[in-house]
Amino acid sequence: MFGNIKRYWLFWFTVLLFVINIFLFYFDWQNSHKGFTFAMLNVGQGDALFVESPTGTQILIDSGPSKKILNQLSRVMPPFDRKLDAFIITNPDQDHIAGFLDVLKIYKVDEVFESGALTDSKIYQNLKNELDTKNIPDILAKKGMRLNIGGGAFIDILFPDRDVSSWPTNDGSIVAKLSYGDISFMLTGDASTKTENIILKEDSTEQLKSTILKVGHHGSRTSSSLEFVSTISPTYALISDGAENKYGHPHQDTLDTLSLFNAKVFRTDLLGSIIMKINNGNAKFSFQK
């Protein structure tokens, strides 16, 4: 009898220790991730960026193709966290939005921002239907909007500045500048040189200069003009592309342009996910295969 009681209490004591360890791991994870996080997630031939402000606001900018984003998110978000404050859809192409449908099955999302560029693809229609079903506000991003994501981090929308519903999806991409302290990120989606030229005409060099350039359209030669890269003057250039992709991204023309301005290039096909953390003013890159 006493042996059964001893085994009973030993079992529950073991369970209690297990639960305590989980919570200790969770709180340790939270404490180690205070500060600002920017991650270009390795989703293959597509785009997916994760941003977390010092106050814990979490934003997913694009989501890559389907069936890849959830594993990547689990590496940069707390293990029990199932909420994202916002989606930003830079353009409605499959390699930017398909993963959102996977995310919506597991994560609660407060709101969505779109460029207004349209496509008749089934994936896009399914995503719009899912947003309607879940009553998630769908907001049109416009130049001049500033998203205060907390802790001194801001996202400023630079484009679209007009109705892009009839434009090619790449031309209509959202372009935004993410800023935190002295570090800034130029986020270009798939914006083409046409879009870059509009931005160059409307914004000053001071407004556009950024520490990090998220290279447009996976490093395609249709983006990243000499004038645009020169104006951005990035220290680092980040390219999201799939290994041995059929498009040949990044194109050598683009790599040559980035080299001309001494930008250090990081690519997801070579390094995996590219993560920058900023704590107490100190910025550090890490990579996850």
C-alpha atoms as a PDB file:
ATOM      1  CA  MET A   1       0.000   0.000   0.000  1.00  0.00           C
ATOM      2  CA  PHE A   2       2.698   2.460   1.062  1.00  0.00           C
ATOM      3  CA  GLY A   3       4.649   1.495  -2.061  1.00  0.00           C
ATOM      4  CA  ASN A   4       1.682   2.493  -4.258  1.00  0.00           C
ATOM      5  CA  ILE A   5       1.339   5.840  -2.447  1.00  0.00           C
ATOM      6  CA  LYS A   6       5.058   6.496  -2.858  1.00  0.00           C
ATOM      7  CA  ARG A   7       4.891   5.731  -6.588  1.00  0.00           C
ATOM      8  CA  TYR A   8       1.789   7.946  -6.865  1.00  0.00           C
ATOM      9  CA  TRP A   9       3.497  10.961  -5.266  1.00  0.00           C
ATOM     10  CA  LEU A  10       6.697  10.320  -7.222  1.00  0.00           C
ATOM     11  CA  PHE A  11       4.717  10.384 -10.453  1.00  0.00           C
ATOM     12  CA  TRP A  12       3.013  13.689  -9.641  1.00  0.00           C
ATOM     13  CA  PHE A  13       6.238  15.196  -8.333  1.00  0.00           C
ATOM     14  CA  THR A  14       7.885  14.337 -11.664  1.00  0.00           C
ATOM     15  CA  VAL A  15       4.975  15.922 -13.557  1.00  0.00           C
ATOM     16  CA  LEU A  16       5.258  19.052 -11.399  1.00  0.00           C
ATOM     17  CA  LEU A  17       8.990  19.327 -12.081  1.00  0.00           C
ATOM     18  CA  PHE A  18       8.310  18.927 -15.796  1.00  0.00           C
ATOM     19  CA  VAL A  19       5.724  21.724 -15.772  1.00  0.00           C
ATOM     20  CA  ILE A  20       8.030  23.992 -13.760  1.00  0.00           C
ATOM     21  CA  ASN A  21      10.844  23.363 -16.233  1.00  0.00           C
ATOM     22  CA  ILE A  22       8.577  24.283 -19.133  1.00  0.00           C
ATOM     23  CA  PHE A  23       7.635  27.591 -17.521  1.00  0.00           C
ATOM     24  CA  LEU A  24      11.244  28.325 -16.591  1.00  0.00           C
ATOM     25  CA  PHE A  25      12.239  27.649 -20.193  1.00  0.00           C
ATOM     26  CA  TYR A  26       9.428  29.909 -21.430  1.00  0.00           C
ATOM     27  CA  PHE A  27      10.323  32.832 -19.174  1.00  0.00           C
ATOM     28  CA  ASP A  28      14.027  32.388 -19.904  1.00  0.00           C
ATOM     29  CA  TRP A  29      13.170  32.434 -23.627  1.00  0.00           C
ATOM     30  CA  GLN A  30      11.199  35.633 -23.162  1.00  0.00           C
ATOM     31  CA  ASN A  31      13.943  37.356 -21.218  1.00  0.00           C
ATOM     32  CA  SER A  32      16.603  36.339 -23.738  1.00  0.00           C
ATOM     33  CA  HIS A  33      14.514  37.782 -26.568  1.00  0.00           C
ATOM     34  CA  LYS A  34      13.903  41.236 -25.157  1.00  0.00           C
ATOM     35  CA  GLY A  35      14.984  43.972 -27.500  1.00  0.00           C
ATOM     36  CA  PHE A  36      14.310  44.284 -31.206  1.00  0.00           C
ATOM     37  CA  THR A  37      14.278  41.381 -33.665  1.00  0.00           C
ATOM     38  CA  PHE A  38      14.259  41.426 -37.454  1.00  0.00           C
ATOM     39  CA  ALA A  39      14.348  38.118 -39.330  1.00  0.00           C
ATOM     40  CA  MET A  40      14.384  37.257 -43.007  1.00  0.00           C
ATOM     41  CA  LEU A  41      12.983  33.735 -42.783  1.00  0.00           C
ATOM     42  CA  ASN A  42      14.272  30.963 -45.001  1.00  0.00           C
ATOM     43  CA  VAL A  43      11.126  30.003 -46.935  1.00  0.00           C
ATOM     44  CA  GLY A  44      12.803  29.127 -50.217  1.00  0.00           C
ATOM     45  CA  GLN A  45      11.857  31.098 -53.321  1.00  0.00           C
ATOM     46  CA  GLY A  46       9.651  33.668 -51.656  1.00  0.00           C
ATOM     47  CA  ASP A  47       9.570  36.420 -49.047  1.00  0.00           C
ATOM     48  CA  ALA A  48       8.794  36.259 -45.328  1.00  0.00           C
ATOM     49  CA  LEU A  49      10.017  38.805 -42.776  1.00  0.00           C
ATOM     50  CA  PHE A  50       9.351  38.720 -39.038  1.00  0.00           C
ATOM     51  CA  VAL A  51       9.614  41.794 -36.828  1.00  0.00           C
ATOM     52  CA  GLU A  52       9.298  41.974 -33.049  1.00  0.00           C
ATOM     53  CA  SER A  53       9.537  45.306 -31.239  1.00  0.00           C
ATOM     54  CA  PRO A  54      10.940  45.727 -27.713  1.00  0.00           C
ATOM     55  CA  THR A  55       7.376  45.886 -26.398  1.00  0.00           C
ATOM     56  CA  GLY A  56       6.506  42.520 -27.958  1.00  0.00           C
ATOM     57  CA  THR A  57       4.552  43.656 -31.017  1.00  0.00           C
ATOM     58  CA  GLN A  58       4.986  40.960 -33.669  1.00  0.00           C
ATOM     59  CA  ILE A  59       4.463  41.502 -37.379  1.00  0.00           C
ATOM     60  CA  LEU A  60       4.798  39.096 -40.293  1.00  0.00           C
ATOM     61  CA  ILE A  61       5.625  40.794 -43.585  1.00  0.00           C
ATOM     62  CA  ASP A  62       4.785  38.298 -46.343  1.00  0.00           C
ATOM     63  CA  SER A  63       4.765  34.573 -45.696  1.00  0.00           C
ATOM     64  CA  GLY A  64       6.461  32.785 -48.559  1.00  0.00           C
ATOM     65  CA  PRO A  65       4.990  29.797 -50.393  1.00  0.00           C
ATOM     66  CA  SER A  66       2.878  27.269 -48.525  1.00  0.00           C
ATOM     67  CA  LYS A  67       4.089  24.688 -45.994  1.00  0.00           C
ATOM     68  CA  LYS A  68       7.311  26.440 -44.985  1.00  0.00           C
ATOM     69  CA  ILE A  69       6.416  29.383 -42.777  1.00  0.00           C
ATOM     70  CA  LEU A  70       5.221  27.557 -39.636  1.00  0.00           C
ATOM     71  CA  ASN A  71       8.533  25.846 -38.970  1.00  0.00           C
ATOM     72  CA  GLN A  72      10.354  29.120 -39.452  1.00  0.00           C
ATOM     73  CA  LEU A  73       8.018  31.061 -37.152  1.00  0.00           C
ATOM     74  CA  SER A  74       8.496  28.492 -34.399  1.00  0.00           C
ATOM     75  CA  ARG A  75      12.194  29.392 -34.363  1.00  0.00           C
ATOM     76  CA  VAL A  76      11.682  33.101 -33.712  1.00  0.00           C
ATOM     77  CA  MET A  77       8.520  33.159 -31.589  1.00  0.00           C
ATOM     78  CA  PRO A  78       7.976  31.907 -28.019  1.00  0.00           C
ATOM     79  CA  PRO A  79       6.817  28.264 -27.921  1.00  0.00           C
ATOM     80  CA  PHE A  80       3.340  29.050 -26.534  1.00  0.00           C
ATOM     81  CA  ASP A  81       2.751  32.265 -28.473  1.00  0.00           C
ATOM     82  CA  ARG A  82      -0.087  31.939 -30.980  1.00  0.00           C
ATOM     83  CA  LYS A  83      -0.787  35.581 -31.773  1.00  0.00           C
ATOM     84  CA  LEU A  84       0.519  38.002 -34.386  1.00  0.00           C
ATOM     85  CA  ASP A  85      -0.360  41.664 -34.234  1.00  0.00           C
ATOM     86  CA  ALA A  86      -0.395  42.164 -37.997  1.00  0.00           C
ATOM     87  CA  PHE A  87       0.242  40.767 -41.444  1.00  0.00           C
ATOM     88  CA  ILE A  88       1.659  43.025 -44.127  1.00  0.00           C
ATOM     89  CA  ILE A  89       1.078  41.712 -47.651  1.00  0.00           C
ATOM     90  CA  THR A  90       3.521  43.568 -49.892  1.00  0.00           C
ATOM     91  CA  ASN A  91       1.947  42.055 -52.994  1.00  0.00           C
ATOM     92  CA  PRO A  92      -0.543  39.250 -53.631  1.00  0.00           C
ATOM     93  CA  ASP A  93       1.716  36.853 -55.551  1.00  0.00           C
ATOM     94  CA  GLN A  94       1.765  33.231 -54.390  1.00  0.00           C
ATOM     95  CA  ASP A  95       5.357  33.355 -53.137  1.00  0.00           C
ATOM     96  CA  HIS A  96       4.390  36.182 -50.765  1.00  0.00           C
ATOM     97  CA  ILE A  97       0.979  35.075 -49.482  1.00  0.00           C
ATOM     98  CA  ALA A  98       0.463  31.302 -49.591  1.00  0.00           C
ATOM     99  CA  GLY A  99       1.974  30.787 -46.158  1.00  0.00           C
ATOM    100  CA  PHE A 100      -0.575  33.132 -44.589  1.00  0.00           C
ATOM    101  CA  LEU A 101      -3.251  30.471 -45.033  1.00  0.00           C
ATOM    102  CA  ASP A 102      -1.108  28.069 -42.977  1.00  0.00           C
ATOM    103  CA  VAL A 103      -0.504  30.722 -40.315  1.00  0.00           C
ATOM    104  CA  LEU A 104      -4.209  31.532 -39.959  1.00  0.00           C
ATOM    105  CA  LYS A 105      -4.925  27.924 -39.003  1.00  0.00           C
ATOM    106  CA  ILE A 106      -2.836  28.281 -35.847  1.00  0.00           C
ATOM    107  CA  TYR A 107      -2.283  31.965 -35.079  1.00  0.00           C
ATOM    108  CA  LYS A 108      -4.703  34.734 -34.199  1.00  0.00           C
ATOM    109  CA  VAL A 109      -4.025  37.852 -36.284  1.00  0.00           C
ATOM    110  CA  ASP A 110      -5.301  41.300 -35.326  1.00  0.00           C
ATOM    111  CA  GLU A 111      -5.133  43.098 -38.677  1.00  0.00           C
ATOM    112  CA  VAL A 112      -3.814  42.952 -42.229  1.00  0.00           C
ATOM    113  CA  PHE A 113      -2.284  45.633 -44.453  1.00  0.00           C
ATOM    114  CA  GLU A 114      -2.338  45.344 -48.249  1.00  0.00           C
ATOM    115  CA  SER A 115      -1.062  47.424 -51.158  1.00  0.00           C
ATOM    116  CA  GLY A 116      -4.270  47.285 -53.174  1.00  0.00           C
ATOM    117  CA  ALA A 117      -2.606  45.365 -56.005  1.00  0.00           C
ATOM    118  CA  LEU A 118      -4.930  42.598 -57.192  1.00  0.00           C
ATOM    119  CA  THR A 119      -4.714  39.131 -58.667  1.00  0.00           C
ATOM    120  CA  ASP A 120      -7.370  36.590 -59.616  1.00  0.00           C
ATOM    121  CA  SER A 121      -5.377  33.642 -58.264  1.00  0.00           C
ATOM    122  CA  LYS A 122      -7.240  31.048 -56.227  1.00  0.00           C
ATOM    123  CA  ILE A 123      -4.760  31.360 -53.354  1.00  0.00           C
ATOM    124  CA  TYR A 124      -5.407  35.088 -53.057  1.00  0.00           C
ATOM    125  CA  GLN A 125      -9.186  34.608 -53.184  1.00  0.00           C
ATOM    126  CA  ASN A 126      -8.971  31.899 -50.516  1.00  0.00           C
ATOM    127  CA  LEU A 127      -6.920  34.215 -48.314  1.00  0.00           C
ATOM    128  CA  LYS A 128      -9.404  37.063 -48.718  1.00  0.00           C
ATOM    129  CA  ASN A 129     -12.260  34.699 -47.857  1.00  0.00           C
ATOM    130  CA  GLU A 130     -10.409  33.527 -44.749  1.00  0.00           C
ATOM    131  CA  LEU A 131      -9.861  37.112 -43.609  1.00  0.00           C
ATOM    132  CA  ASP A 132     -13.574  37.790 -44.058  1.00  0.00           C
ATOM    133  CA  THR A 133     -14.549  34.625 -42.204  1.00  0.00           C
ATOM    134  CA  LYS A 134     -12.343  35.512 -39.253  1.00  0.00           C
ATOM    135  CA  ASN A 135     -13.413  39.190 -39.318  1.00  0.00           C
ATOM    136  CA  ILE A 136      -9.814  40.384 -39.549  1.00  0.00           C
ATOM    137  CA  PRO A 137      -9.607  44.071 -40.546  1.00  0.00           C
ATOM    138  CA  ASP A 138      -8.063  44.444 -44.022  1.00  0.00           C
ATOM    139  CA  ILE A 139      -6.422  47.862 -44.326  1.00  0.00           C
ATOM    140  CA  LEU A 140      -5.152  49.586 -47.449  1.00  0.00           C
ATOM    141  CA  ALA A 141      -1.577  50.741 -46.886  1.00  0.00           C
ATOM    142  CA  LYS A 142      -0.855  54.240 -48.192  1.00  0.00           C
ATOM    143  CA  LYS A 143       2.139  56.529 -48.318  1.00  0.00           C
ATOM    144  CA  GLY A 144       2.356  58.658 -45.183  1.00  0.00           C
ATOM    145  CA  MET A 145       1.043  55.982 -42.814  1.00  0.00           C
ATOM    146  CA  ARG A 146       3.264  55.417 -39.782  1.00  0.00           C
ATOM    147  CA  LEU A 147       2.856  52.260 -37.720  1.00  0.00           C
ATOM    148  CA  ASN A 148       4.152  52.727 -34.178  1.00  0.00           C
ATOM    149  CA  ILE A 149       4.986  49.178 -33.156  1.00  0.00           C
ATOM    150  CA  GLY A 150       6.334  50.118 -29.744  1.00  0.00           C
ATOM    151  CA  GLY A 151       9.614  50.655 -27.950  1.00  0.00           C
ATOM    152  CA  GLY A 152      10.787  53.273 -30.428  1.00  0.00           C
ATOM    153  CA  ALA A 153      10.264  51.090 -33.516  1.00  0.00           C
ATOM    154  CA  PHE A 154       8.291  52.464 -36.478  1.00  0.00           C
ATOM    155  CA  ILE A 155       7.218  51.357 -39.933  1.00  0.00           C
ATOM    156  CA  ASP A 156       6.718  54.196 -42.454  1.00  0.00           C
ATOM    157  CA  ILE A 157       4.841  53.383 -45.653  1.00  0.00           C
ATOM    158  CA  LEU A 158       6.552  54.961 -48.685  1.00  0.00           C
ATOM    159  CA  PHE A 159       4.473  53.318 -51.420  1.00  0.00           C
ATOM    160  CA  PRO A 160       1.779  52.967 -52.764  1.00  0.00           C
ATOM    161  CA  ASP A 161       0.958  56.648 -53.073  1.00  0.00           C
ATOM    162  CA  ARG A 162      -1.910  55.969 -55.496  1.00  0.00           C
ATOM    163  CA  ASP A 163      -4.410  53.347 -56.645  1.00  0.00           C
ATOM    164  CA  VAL A 164      -2.408  50.343 -57.882  1.00  0.00           C
ATOM    165  CA  SER A 165      -5.311  47.942 -58.350  1.00  0.00           C
ATOM    166  CA  SER A 166      -4.734  47.784 -62.121  1.00  0.00           C
ATOM    167  CA  TRP A 167      -0.939  47.670 -61.904  1.00  0.00           C
ATOM    168  CA  PRO A 168       1.231  44.578 -62.263  1.00  0.00           C
ATOM    169  CA  THR A 169       1.564  43.126 -58.778  1.00  0.00           C
ATOM    170  CA  ASN A 170       5.311  43.746 -58.515  1.00  0.00           C
ATOM    171  CA  ASP A 171       4.974  47.406 -59.499  1.00  0.00           C
ATOM    172  CA  GLY A 172       2.265  47.797 -56.863  1.00  0.00           C
ATOM    173  CA  SER A 173       4.299  46.339 -53.987  1.00  0.00           C
ATOM    174  CA  ILE A 174       4.314  47.996 -50.599  1.00  0.00           C
ATOM    175  CA  VAL A 175       7.629  49.698 -49.909  1.00  0.00           C
ATOM    176  CA  ALA A 176       8.282  50.684 -46.289  1.00  0.00           C
ATOM    177  CA  LYS A 177      11.075  51.849 -44.025  1.00  0.00           C
ATOM    178  CA  LEU A 178      11.419  50.116 -40.675  1.00  0.00           C
ATOM    179  CA  SER A 179      13.361  52.096 -38.071  1.00  0.00           C
ATOM    180  CA  TYR A 180      14.640  51.328 -34.597  1.00  0.00           C
ATOM    181  CA  GLY A 181      17.199  53.628 -33.029  1.00  0.00           C
ATOM    182  CA  ASP A 182      20.096  54.157 -35.415  1.00  0.00           C
ATOM    183  CA  ILE A 183      19.252  51.053 -37.473  1.00  0.00           C
ATOM    184  CA  SER A 184      16.865  51.211 -40.419  1.00  0.00           C
ATOM    185  CA  PHE A 185      15.595  48.706 -42.977  1.00  0.00           C
ATOM    186  CA  MET A 186      14.347  49.510 -46.477  1.00  0.00           C
ATOM    187  CA  LEU A 187      11.676  46.883 -47.208  1.00  0.00           C
ATOM    188  CA  THR A 188      10.916  46.685 -50.905  1.00  0.00           C
ATOM    189  CA  GLY A 189       8.782  43.596 -51.517  1.00  0.00           C
ATOM    190  CA  ASP A 190       8.993  42.919 -55.260  1.00  0.00           C
ATOM    191  CA  ALA A 191       9.058  46.612 -56.173  1.00  0.00           C
ATOM    192  CA  SER A 192      10.391  47.209 -59.674  1.00  0.00           C
ATOM    193  CA  THR A 193      12.622  49.997 -60.940  1.00  0.00           C
ATOM    194  CA  LYS A 194       9.413  51.780 -61.995  1.00  0.00           C
ATOM    195  CA  THR A 195       8.313  51.878 -58.364  1.00  0.00           C
ATOM    196  CA  GLU A 196      11.801  52.780 -57.173  1.00  0.00           C
ATOM    197  CA  ASN A 197      11.859  55.786 -59.528  1.00  0.00           C
ATOM    198  CA  ILE A 198       8.568  57.070 -58.119  1.00  0.00           C
ATOM    199  CA  ILE A 199       9.938  56.803 -54.588  1.00  0.00           C
ATOM    200  CA  LEU A 200      13.192  58.521 -55.565  1.00  0.00           C
ATOM    201  CA  LYS A 201      11.238  61.485 -56.952  1.00  0.00           C
ATOM    202  CA  GLU A 202       8.986  61.825 -53.909  1.00  0.00           C
ATOM    203  CA  ASP A 203      11.366  61.253 -50.985  1.00  0.00           C
ATOM    204  CA  SER A 204      14.623  62.844 -49.973  1.00  0.00           C
ATOM    205  CA  THR A 205      17.927  61.029 -49.706  1.00  0.00           C
ATOM    206  CA  GLU A 206      17.790  61.491 -45.937  1.00  0.00           C
ATOM    207  CA  GLN A 207      14.376  59.819 -45.811  1.00  0.00           C
ATOM    208  CA  LEU A 208      15.536  56.858 -47.905  1.00  0.00           C
ATOM    209  CA  LYS A 209      19.043  56.203 -46.597  1.00  0.00           C
ATOM    210  CA  SER A 210      18.979  52.902 -44.673  1.00  0.00           C
ATOM    211  CA  THR A 211      21.359  50.589 -42.880  1.00  0.00           C
ATOM    212  CA  ILE A 212      19.867  47.487 -44.460  1.00  0.00           C
ATOM    213  CA  LEU A 213      18.271  46.972 -47.864  1.00  0.00           C
ATOM    214  CA  LYS A 214      15.862  44.104 -48.271  1.00  0.00           C
ATOM    215  CA  VAL A 215      16.727  43.603 -51.935  1.00  0.00           C
ATOM    216  CA  GLY A 216      13.691  43.806 -54.206  1.00  0.00           C
ATOM    217  CA  HIS A 217      12.215  40.812 -56.031  1.00  0.00           C
ATOM    218  CA  HIS A 218      14.709  38.240 -54.708  1.00  0.00           C
ATOM    219  CA  GLY A 219      17.621  39.980 -56.373  1.00  0.00           C
ATOM    220  CA  SER A 220      16.086  40.223 -59.827  1.00  0.00           C
ATOM    221  CA  ARG A 221      17.572  42.673 -62.329  1.00  0.00           C
ATOM    222  CA  THR A 222      14.099  44.246 -62.568  1.00  0.00           C
ATOM    223  CA  SER A 223      14.796  45.905 -59.208  1.00  0.00           C
ATOM    224  CA  SER A 224      17.680  47.567 -57.377  1.00  0.00           C
ATOM    225  CA  SER A 225      18.652  50.238 -59.884  1.00  0.00           C
ATOM    226  CA  LEU A 226      21.986  51.998 -59.521  1.00  0.00           C
ATOM    227  CA  GLU A 227      20.297  55.221 -58.428  1.00  0.00           C
ATOM    228  CA  PHE A 228      18.077  53.484 -55.883  1.00  0.00           C
ATOM    229  CA  VAL A 229      20.884  51.511 -54.249  1.00  0.00           C
ATOM    230  CA  SER A 230      23.117  54.577 -54.296  1.00  0.00           C
ATOM    231  CA  THR A 231      20.439  56.596 -52.486  1.00  0.00           C
ATOM    232  CA  ILE A 232      19.694  53.882 -49.934  1.00  0.00           C
ATOM    233  CA  SER A 233      23.457  53.468 -49.378  1.00  0.00           C
ATOM    234  CA  PRO A 234      23.045  50.229 -47.408  1.00  0.00           C
ATOM    235  CA  THR A 235      25.727  48.665 -45.273  1.00  0.00           C
ATOM    236  CA  TYR A 236      24.000  45.298 -45.670  1.00  0.00           C
ATOM    237  CA  ALA A 237      21.833  43.853 -48.444  1.00  0.00           C
ATOM    238  CA  LEU A 238      19.551  40.900 -47.653  1.00  0.00           C
ATOM    239  CA  ILE A 239      18.248  38.617 -50.411  1.00  0.00           C
ATOM    240  CA  SER A 240      15.471  36.058 -49.947  1.00  0.00           C
ATOM    241  CA  ASP A 241      15.804  33.374 -52.623  1.00  0.00           C
ATOM    242  CA  GLY A 242      15.521  29.628 -53.059  1.00  0.00           C
ATOM    243  CA  ALA A 243      18.548  27.442 -53.682  1.00  0.00           C
ATOM    244  CA  GLU A 244      19.085  26.818 -57.406  1.00  0.00           C
ATOM    245  CA  ASN A 245      15.778  28.512 -58.234  1.00  0.00           C
ATOM    246  CA  LYS A 246      14.568  28.421 -61.834  1.00  0.00           C
ATOM    247  CA  TYR A 247      14.680  32.220 -62.180  1.00  0.00           C
ATOM    248  CA  GLY A 248      18.417  32.488 -61.587  1.00  0.00           C
ATOM    249  CA  HIS A 249      17.891  34.837 -58.631  1.00  0.00           C
ATOM    250  CA  PRO A 250      19.820  36.744 -57.569  1.00  0.00           C
ATOM    251  CA  HIS A 251      20.902  38.032 -60.969  1.00  0.00           C
ATOM    252  CA  GLN A 252      24.541  38.910 -61.400  1.00  0.00           C
ATOM    253  CA  ASP A 253      23.575  42.434 -62.489  1.00  0.00           C
ATOM    254  CA  THR A 254      22.069  43.049 -59.056  1.00  0.00           C
ATOM    255  CA  LEU A 255      25.006  41.535 -57.204  1.00  0.00           C
ATOM    256  CA  ASP A 256      27.341  43.755 -59.229  1.00  0.00           C
ATOM    257  CA  THR A 257      25.304  46.833 -58.302  1.00  0.00           C
ATOM    258  CA  LEU A 258      25.389  45.958 -54.602  1.00  0.00           C
ATOM    259  CA  SER A 259      29.128  45.292 -54.819  1.00  0.00           C
ATOM    260  CA  LEU A 260      29.665  48.670 -56.464  1.00  0.00           C
ATOM    261  CA  PHE A 261      28.350  50.337 -53.287  1.00  0.00           C
ATOM    262  CA  ASN A 262      30.195  47.976 -50.929  1.00  0.00           C
ATOM    263  CA  ALA A 263      27.034  46.469 -49.468  1.00  0.00           C
ATOM    264  CA  LYS A 264      27.680  43.198 -47.630  1.00  0.00           C
ATOM    265  CA  VAL A 265      25.277  40.625 -49.090  1.00  0.00           C
ATOM    266  CA  PHE A 266      23.493  37.955 -47.040  1.00  0.00           C
ATOM    267  CA  ARG A 267      21.370  35.360 -48.899  1.00  0.00           C
ATOM    268  CA  THR A 268      18.896  32.864 -47.505  1.00  0.00           C
ATOM    269  CA  ASP A 269      19.854  30.208 -50.070  1.00  0.00           C
ATOM    270  CA  LEU A 270      23.400  30.252 -48.689  1.00  0.00           C
ATOM    271  CA  LEU A 271      22.896  31.125 -45.008  1.00  0.00           C
ATOM    272  CA  GLY A 272      19.342  30.118 -44.118  1.00  0.00           C
ATOM    273  CA  SER A 273      17.263  32.515 -42.028  1.00  0.00           C
ATOM    274  CA  ILE A 274      18.999  35.842 -41.429  1.00  0.00           C
ATOM    275  CA  ILE A 275      18.281  37.282 -37.983  1.00  0.00           C
ATOM    276  CA  MET A 276      19.314  40.619 -36.543  1.00  0.00           C
ATOM    277  CA  LYS A 277      18.830  41.295 -32.848  1.00  0.00           C
ATOM    278  CA  ILE A 278      19.350  44.680 -31.262  1.00  0.00           C
ATOM    279  CA  ASN A 279      19.799  44.865 -27.510  1.00  0.00           C
ATOM    280  CA  ASN A 280      20.933  47.989 -25.651  1.00  0.00           C
ATOM    281  CA  GLY A 281      22.023  49.552 -28.915  1.00  0.00           C
ATOM    282  CA  ASN A 282      24.135  46.560 -29.934  1.00  0.00           C
ATOM    283  CA  ALA A 283      23.168  44.893 -33.226  1.00  0.00           C
ATOM    284  CA  LYS A 284      24.152  41.331 -34.037  1.00  0.00           C
ATOM    285  CA  PHE A 285      23.429  39.017 -36.979  1.00  0.00           C
ATOM    286  CA  SER A 286      22.913  35.277 -36.664  1.00  0.00           C
ATOM    287  CA  PHE A 287      21.952  32.616 -39.193  1.00  0.00           C
ATOM    288  CA  GLN A 288      19.796  29.501 -39.002  1.00  0.00           C
ATOM    289  CA  LYS A 289      19.994  26.757 -41.591  1.00  0.00           C
END
